[in-house]
PDB file of N, CA and C in Angstrom:
ATOM      1  N   MET A   1     187.802-106.365 141.985  1.00  0.00           N
ATOM      2  CA  MET A   1     188.652-107.318 141.302  1.00  0.00           C
ATOM      3  C   MET A   1     187.965-107.751 140.007  1.00  0.00           C
ATOM      4  N   PRO A   2     188.694-107.741 138.892  1.00  0.00           N
ATOM      5  CA  PRO A   2     188.092-108.106 137.618  1.00  0.00           C
ATOM      6  C   PRO A   2     187.730-109.594 137.558  1.00  0.00           C
ATOM      7  N   ASP A   3     186.701-109.900 136.760  1.00  0.00           N
ATOM      8  CA  ASP A   3     186.268-111.284 136.575  1.00  0.00           C
ATOM      9  C   ASP A   3     186.934-111.947 135.378  1.00  0.00           C
ATOM     10  N   PHE A   4     187.520-111.155 134.458  1.00  0.00           N
ATOM     11  CA  PHE A   4     188.185-111.766 133.305  1.00  0.00           C
ATOM     12  C   PHE A   4     189.256-110.846 132.732  1.00  0.00           C
ATOM     13  N   GLN A   5     190.181-111.483 132.004  1.00  0.00           N
ATOM     14  CA  GLN A   5     191.205-110.769 131.248  1.00  0.00           C
ATOM     15  C   GLN A   5     191.446-111.560 129.962  1.00  0.00           C
ATOM     16  N   ILE A   6     191.491-110.846 128.846  1.00  0.00           N
ATOM     17  CA  ILE A   6     191.741-111.452 127.547  1.00  0.00           C
ATOM     18  C   ILE A   6     193.069-110.912 127.041  1.00  0.00           C
ATOM     19  N   VAL A   7     193.959-111.814 126.630  1.00  0.00           N
ATOM     20  CA  VAL A   7     195.272-111.413 126.130  1.00  0.00           C
ATOM     21  C   VAL A   7     195.394-111.894 124.692  1.00  0.00           C
ATOM     22  N   THR A   8     195.821-110.981 123.817  1.00  0.00           N
ATOM     23  CA  THR A   8     195.968-111.321 122.406  1.00  0.00           C
ATOM     24  C   THR A   8     197.378-111.844 122.126  1.00  0.00           C
ATOM     25  N   THR A   9     197.569-112.370 120.919  1.00  0.00           N
ATOM     26  CA  THR A   9     198.865-112.931 120.544  1.00  0.00           C
ATOM     27  C   THR A   9     199.969-111.871 120.472  1.00  0.00           C
ATOM     28  N   ASP A  10     199.595-110.593 120.389  1.00  0.00           N
ATOM     29  CA  ASP A  10     200.608-109.531 120.429  1.00  0.00           C
ATOM     30  C   ASP A  10     200.721-108.927 121.833  1.00  0.00           C
ATOM     31  N   ASN A  11     200.258-109.693 122.828  1.00  0.00           N
ATOM     32  CA  ASN A  11     200.376-109.369 124.253  1.00  0.00           C
ATOM     33  C   ASN A  11     199.616-108.126 124.690  1.00  0.00           C
ATOM     34  N   GLN A  12     198.530-107.793 124.013  1.00  0.00           N
ATOM     35  CA  GLN A  12     197.647-106.724 124.486  1.00  0.00           C
ATOM     36  C   GLN A  12     196.661-107.341 125.466  1.00  0.00           C
ATOM     37  N   ALA A  13     196.598-106.799 126.667  1.00  0.00           N
ATOM     38  CA  ALA A  13     195.680-107.299 127.688  1.00  0.00           C
ATOM     39  C   ALA A  13     194.434-106.423 127.734  1.00  0.00           C
ATOM     40  N   HIS A  14     193.286-107.063 127.806  1.00  0.00           N
ATOM     41  CA  HIS A  14     191.992-106.386 127.930  1.00  0.00           C
ATOM     42  C   HIS A  14     191.347-106.922 129.207  1.00  0.00           C
ATOM     43  N   THR A  15     191.254-106.087 130.219  1.00  0.00           N
ATOM     44  CA  THR A  15     190.809-106.508 131.544  1.00  0.00           C
ATOM     45  C   THR A  15     189.479-105.861 131.888  1.00  0.00           C
ATOM     46  N   GLU A  16     188.550-106.650 132.395  1.00  0.00           N
ATOM     47  CA  GLU A  16     187.231-106.140 132.781  1.00  0.00           C
ATOM     48  C   GLU A  16     187.378-104.967 133.750  1.00  0.00           C
ATOM     49  N   GLY A  17     186.591-103.924 133.508  1.00  0.00           N
ATOM     50  CA  GLY A  17     186.575-102.771 134.396  1.00  0.00           C
ATOM     51  C   GLY A  17     187.593-101.691 134.067  1.00  0.00           C
ATOM     52  N   HIS A  18     188.588-102.025 133.262  1.00  0.00           N
ATOM     53  CA  HIS A  18     189.591-101.032 132.898  1.00  0.00           C
ATOM     54  C   HIS A  18     189.069-100.167 131.758  1.00  0.00           C
ATOM     55  N   ALA A  19     189.515 -98.919 131.724  1.00  0.00           N
ATOM     56  CA  ALA A  19     189.123 -97.983 130.670  1.00  0.00           C
ATOM     57  C   ALA A  19     190.154 -98.026 129.544  1.00  0.00           C
ATOM     58  N   TYR A  20     189.654 -98.005 128.306  1.00  0.00           N
ATOM     59  CA  TYR A  20     190.513 -98.056 127.128  1.00  0.00           C
ATOM     60  C   TYR A  20     190.156 -96.914 126.189  1.00  0.00           C
ATOM     61  N   SER A  21     191.124 -96.524 125.375  1.00  0.00           N
ATOM     62  CA  SER A  21     190.923 -95.394 124.466  1.00  0.00           C
ATOM     63  C   SER A  21     190.769 -95.838 123.016  1.00  0.00           C
ATOM     64  N   HIS A  22     190.271 -97.046 122.791  1.00  0.00           N
ATOM     65  CA  HIS A  22     190.099 -97.580 121.435  1.00  0.00           C
ATOM     66  C   HIS A  22     189.143 -96.749 120.583  1.00  0.00           C
ATOM     67  N   PHE A  23     188.280 -95.971 121.211  1.00  0.00           N
ATOM     68  CA  PHE A  23     187.180 -95.334 120.492  1.00  0.00           C
ATOM     69  C   PHE A  23     187.303 -93.812 120.406  1.00  0.00           C
ATOM     70  N   LYS A  24     188.511 -93.287 120.515  1.00  0.00           N
ATOM     71  CA  LYS A  24     188.708 -91.825 120.454  1.00  0.00           C
ATOM     72  C   LYS A  24     188.196 -91.248 119.141  1.00  0.00           C
ATOM     73  N   ASP A  25     188.411 -91.943 118.038  1.00  0.00           N
ATOM     74  CA  ASP A  25     187.962 -91.444 116.736  1.00  0.00           C
ATOM     75  C   ASP A  25     186.440 -91.391 116.641  1.00  0.00           C
ATOM     76  N   LEU A  26     185.748 -92.097 117.535  1.00  0.00           N
ATOM     77  CA  LEU A  26     184.283 -92.077 117.564  1.00  0.00           C
ATOM     78  C   LEU A  26     183.749 -91.068 118.580  1.00  0.00           C
ATOM     79  N   GLY A  27     184.660 -90.318 119.226  1.00  0.00           N
ATOM     80  CA  GLY A  27     184.250 -89.276 120.154  1.00  0.00           C
ATOM     81  C   GLY A  27     184.233 -89.676 121.617  1.00  0.00           C
ATOM     82  N   TYR A  28     184.795 -90.837 121.946  1.00  0.00           N
ATOM     83  CA  TYR A  28     184.852 -91.293 123.339  1.00  0.00           C
ATOM     84  C   TYR A  28     186.298 -91.295 123.804  1.00  0.00           C
ATOM     85  N   ASP A  29     186.605 -90.488 124.830  1.00  0.00           N
ATOM     86  CA  ASP A  29     187.968 -90.460 125.353  1.00  0.00           C
ATOM     87  C   ASP A  29     188.362 -91.801 125.951  1.00  0.00           C
ATOM     88  N   SER A  30     187.413 -92.449 126.619  1.00  0.00           N
ATOM     89  CA  SER A  30     187.671 -93.775 127.176  1.00  0.00           C
ATOM     90  C   SER A  30     186.352 -94.506 127.365  1.00  0.00           C
ATOM     91  N   ALA A  31     186.452 -95.820 127.418  1.00  0.00           N
ATOM     92  CA  ALA A  31     185.282 -96.661 127.661  1.00  0.00           C
ATOM     93  C   ALA A  31     185.737 -97.870 128.461  1.00  0.00           C
ATOM     94  N   ARG A  32     184.958 -98.236 129.467  1.00  0.00           N
ATOM     95  CA  ARG A  32     185.309 -99.371 130.331  1.00  0.00           C
ATOM     96  C   ARG A  32     184.817-100.682 129.731  1.00  0.00           C
ATOM     97  N   LEU A  33     185.682-101.689 129.806  1.00  0.00           N
ATOM     98  CA  LEU A  33     185.340-103.031 129.344  1.00  0.00           C
ATOM     99  C   LEU A  33     184.391-103.664 130.339  1.00  0.00           C
ATOM    100  N   GLN A  34     183.234-104.145 129.861  1.00  0.00           N
ATOM    101  CA  GLN A  34     182.218-104.688 130.750  1.00  0.00           C
ATOM    102  C   GLN A  34     181.990-106.191 130.597  1.00  0.00           C
ATOM    103  N   ALA A  35     182.126-106.711 129.380  1.00  0.00           N
ATOM    104  CA  ALA A  35     181.821-108.123 129.148  1.00  0.00           C
ATOM    105  C   ALA A  35     182.482-108.569 127.851  1.00  0.00           C
ATOM    106  N   TYR A  36     182.397-109.861 127.584  1.00  0.00           N
ATOM    107  CA  TYR A  36     182.848-110.385 126.299  1.00  0.00           C
ATOM    108  C   TYR A  36     181.926-111.521 125.886  1.00  0.00           C
ATOM    109  N   GLY A  37     181.951-111.827 124.601  1.00  0.00           N
ATOM    110  CA  GLY A  37     181.143-112.915 124.073  1.00  0.00           C
ATOM    111  C   GLY A  37     181.772-113.426 122.792  1.00  0.00           C
ATOM    112  N   TYR A  38     181.053-114.294 122.120  1.00  0.00           N
ATOM    113  CA  TYR A  38     181.556-114.881 120.884  1.00  0.00           C
ATOM    114  C   TYR A  38     180.554-114.635 119.767  1.00  0.00           C
ATOM    115  N   GLU A  39     181.062-114.303 118.603  1.00  0.00           N
ATOM    116  CA  GLU A  39     180.218-114.118 117.420  1.00  0.00           C
ATOM    117  C   GLU A  39     180.972-114.714 116.236  1.00  0.00           C
ATOM    118  N   GLY A  40     180.560-115.896 115.821  1.00  0.00           N
ATOM    119  CA  GLY A  40     181.277-116.584 114.749  1.00  0.00           C
ATOM    120  C   GLY A  40     182.698-116.891 115.179  1.00  0.00           C
ATOM    121  N   ASP A  41     183.657-116.454 114.383  1.00  0.00           N
ATOM    122  CA  ASP A  41     185.079-116.686 114.671  1.00  0.00           C
ATOM    123  C   ASP A  41     185.725-115.510 115.397  1.00  0.00           C
ATOM    124  N   TYR A  42     184.918-114.706 116.070  1.00  0.00           N
ATOM    125  CA  TYR A  42     185.415-113.517 116.761  1.00  0.00           C
ATOM    126  C   TYR A  42     185.067-113.554 118.244  1.00  0.00           C
ATOM    127  N   VAL A  43     185.963-112.999 119.049  1.00  0.00           N
ATOM    128  CA  VAL A  43     185.665-112.698 120.441  1.00  0.00           C
ATOM    129  C   VAL A  43     185.280-111.224 120.457  1.00  0.00           C
ATOM    130  N   VAL A  44     184.102-110.927 120.985  1.00  0.00           N
ATOM    131  CA  VAL A  44     183.580-109.565 120.972  1.00  0.00           C
ATOM    132  C   VAL A  44     183.699-108.968 122.367  1.00  0.00           C
ATOM    133  N   LEU A  45     184.468-107.878 122.467  1.00  0.00           N
ATOM    134  CA  LEU A  45     184.612-107.165 123.727  1.00  0.00           C
ATOM    135  C   LEU A  45     183.529-106.105 123.792  1.00  0.00           C
ATOM    136  N   CYS A  46     182.783-106.069 124.896  1.00  0.00           N
ATOM    137  CA  CYS A  46     181.661-105.140 125.058  1.00  0.00           C
ATOM    138  C   CYS A  46     182.040-104.073 126.082  1.00  0.00           C
ATOM    139  N   PHE A  47     181.995-102.831 125.638  1.00  0.00           N
ATOM    140  CA  PHE A  47     182.364-101.693 126.457  1.00  0.00           C
ATOM    141  C   PHE A  47     181.133-100.881 126.814  1.00  0.00           C
ATOM    142  N   GLU A  48     181.277 -99.974 127.783  1.00  0.00           N
ATOM    143  CA  GLU A  48     180.181 -99.071 128.106  1.00  0.00           C
ATOM    144  C   GLU A  48     179.834 -98.235 126.878  1.00  0.00           C
ATOM    145  N   HIS A  49     178.707 -97.583 126.906  1.00  0.00           N
ATOM    146  CA  HIS A  49     178.184 -96.773 125.799  1.00  0.00           C
ATOM    147  C   HIS A  49     177.750 -97.636 124.615  1.00  0.00           C
ATOM    148  N   GLY A  50     177.651 -98.960 124.794  1.00  0.00           N
ATOM    149  CA  GLY A  50     177.238 -99.846 123.712  1.00  0.00           C
ATOM    150  C   GLY A  50     178.309-100.102 122.667  1.00  0.00           C
ATOM    151  N   LEU A  51     179.547 -99.774 122.982  1.00  0.00           N
ATOM    152  CA  LEU A  51     180.648 -99.948 122.038  1.00  0.00           C
ATOM    153  C   LEU A  51     181.170-101.375 122.071  1.00  0.00           C
ATOM    154  N   GLN A  52     181.606-101.876 120.912  1.00  0.00           N
ATOM    155  CA  GLN A  52     182.128-103.231 120.820  1.00  0.00           C
ATOM    156  C   GLN A  52     183.404-103.248 119.991  1.00  0.00           C
ATOM    157  N   LEU A  53     184.283-104.181 120.316  1.00  0.00           N
ATOM    158  CA  LEU A  53     185.514-104.406 119.569  1.00  0.00           C
ATOM    159  C   LEU A  53     185.607-105.903 119.307  1.00  0.00           C
ATOM    160  N   SER A  54     185.686-106.292 118.051  1.00  0.00           N
ATOM    161  CA  SER A  54     185.756-107.709 117.684  1.00  0.00           C
ATOM    162  C   SER A  54     187.192-108.084 117.348  1.00  0.00           C
ATOM    163  N   ILE A  55     187.652-109.188 117.932  1.00  0.00           N
ATOM    164  CA  ILE A  55     189.011-109.682 117.704  1.00  0.00           C
ATOM    165  C   ILE A  55     188.892-111.094 117.139  1.00  0.00           C
ATOM    166  N   PRO A  56     189.554-111.393 116.015  1.00  0.00           N
ATOM    167  CA  PRO A  56     189.514-112.756 115.477  1.00  0.00           C
ATOM    168  C   PRO A  56     190.025-113.761 116.511  1.00  0.00           C
ATOM    169  N   GLU A  57     189.345-114.901 116.614  1.00  0.00           N
ATOM    170  CA  GLU A  57     189.728-115.918 117.611  1.00  0.00           C
ATOM    171  C   GLU A  57     191.189-116.331 117.493  1.00  0.00           C
ATOM    172  N   HIS A  58     191.724-116.390 116.281  1.00  0.00           N
ATOM    173  CA  HIS A  58     193.112-116.841 116.118  1.00  0.00           C
ATOM    174  C   HIS A  58     194.114-115.849 116.711  1.00  0.00           C
ATOM    175  N   ARG A  59     193.665-114.636 117.063  1.00  0.00           N
ATOM    176  CA  ARG A  59     194.535-113.653 117.696  1.00  0.00           C
ATOM    177  C   ARG A  59     194.441-113.677 119.221  1.00  0.00           C
ATOM    178  N   ILE A  60     193.639-114.581 119.776  1.00  0.00           N
ATOM    179  CA  ILE A  60     193.503-114.675 121.231  1.00  0.00           C
ATOM    180  C   ILE A  60     194.522-115.677 121.768  1.00  0.00           C
ATOM    181  N   GLN A  61     195.369-115.206 122.671  1.00  0.00           N
ATOM    182  CA  GLN A  61     196.362-116.085 123.295  1.00  0.00           C
ATOM    183  C   GLN A  61     195.710-116.861 124.434  1.00  0.00           C
ATOM    184  N   HIS A  62     194.972-116.140 125.302  1.00  0.00           N
ATOM    185  CA  HIS A  62     194.229-116.813 126.370  1.00  0.00           C
ATOM    186  C   HIS A  62     193.176-115.890 126.967  1.00  0.00           C
ATOM    187  N   ILE A  63     192.210-116.519 127.613  1.00  0.00           N
ATOM    188  CA  ILE A  63     191.185-115.802 128.369  1.00  0.00           C
ATOM    189  C   ILE A  63     191.233-116.356 129.787  1.00  0.00           C
ATOM    190  N   ALA A  64     191.508-115.494 130.737  1.00  0.00           N
ATOM    191  CA  ALA A  64     191.546-115.894 132.148  1.00  0.00           C
ATOM    192  C   ALA A  64     190.277-115.385 132.822  1.00  0.00           C
ATOM    193  N   THR A  65     189.631-116.268 133.571  1.00  0.00           N
ATOM    194  CA  THR A  65     188.418-115.889 134.293  1.00  0.00           C
ATOM    195  C   THR A  65     188.565-116.253 135.756  1.00  0.00           C
ATOM    196  N   SER A  66     187.859-115.538 136.602  1.00  0.00           N
ATOM    197  CA  SER A  66     187.892-115.849 138.031  1.00  0.00           C
ATOM    198  C   SER A  66     186.713-116.750 138.359  1.00  0.00           C
ATOM    199  N   ALA A  67     186.943-117.685 139.226  1.00  0.00           N
ATOM    200  CA  ALA A  67     185.883-118.584 139.689  1.00  0.00           C
ATOM    201  C   ALA A  67     185.310-117.989 140.965  1.00  0.00           C
ATOM    202  N   VAL A  68     184.131-117.442 140.849  1.00  0.00           N
ATOM    203  CA  VAL A  68     183.494-116.785 142.008  1.00  0.00           C
ATOM    204  C   VAL A  68     182.490-117.706 142.631  1.00  0.00           C
TER     205      VAL A  68
END
C-alpha cells in the first residue's frame, strides 16, 4: 500500500511505488516513484535511478499521506 499520493491541479496523480514513463527521452522506459520533498517553491518527486521531477507548488492540488 502506498504511503503518499500527490495530485496536481490538472488532475495528474503521482502515487508512491507506481512506475511512470516521464523519463523515456532520457533512456528509461519507466521509473518508480519512491519519495518526495520540497526545494524552494517546488515539490520534488524522487524516482528510482536517481531521477527527479520538480513541480511548482502552485500546481499541487493536494498531497495525501497515510498515517502508519
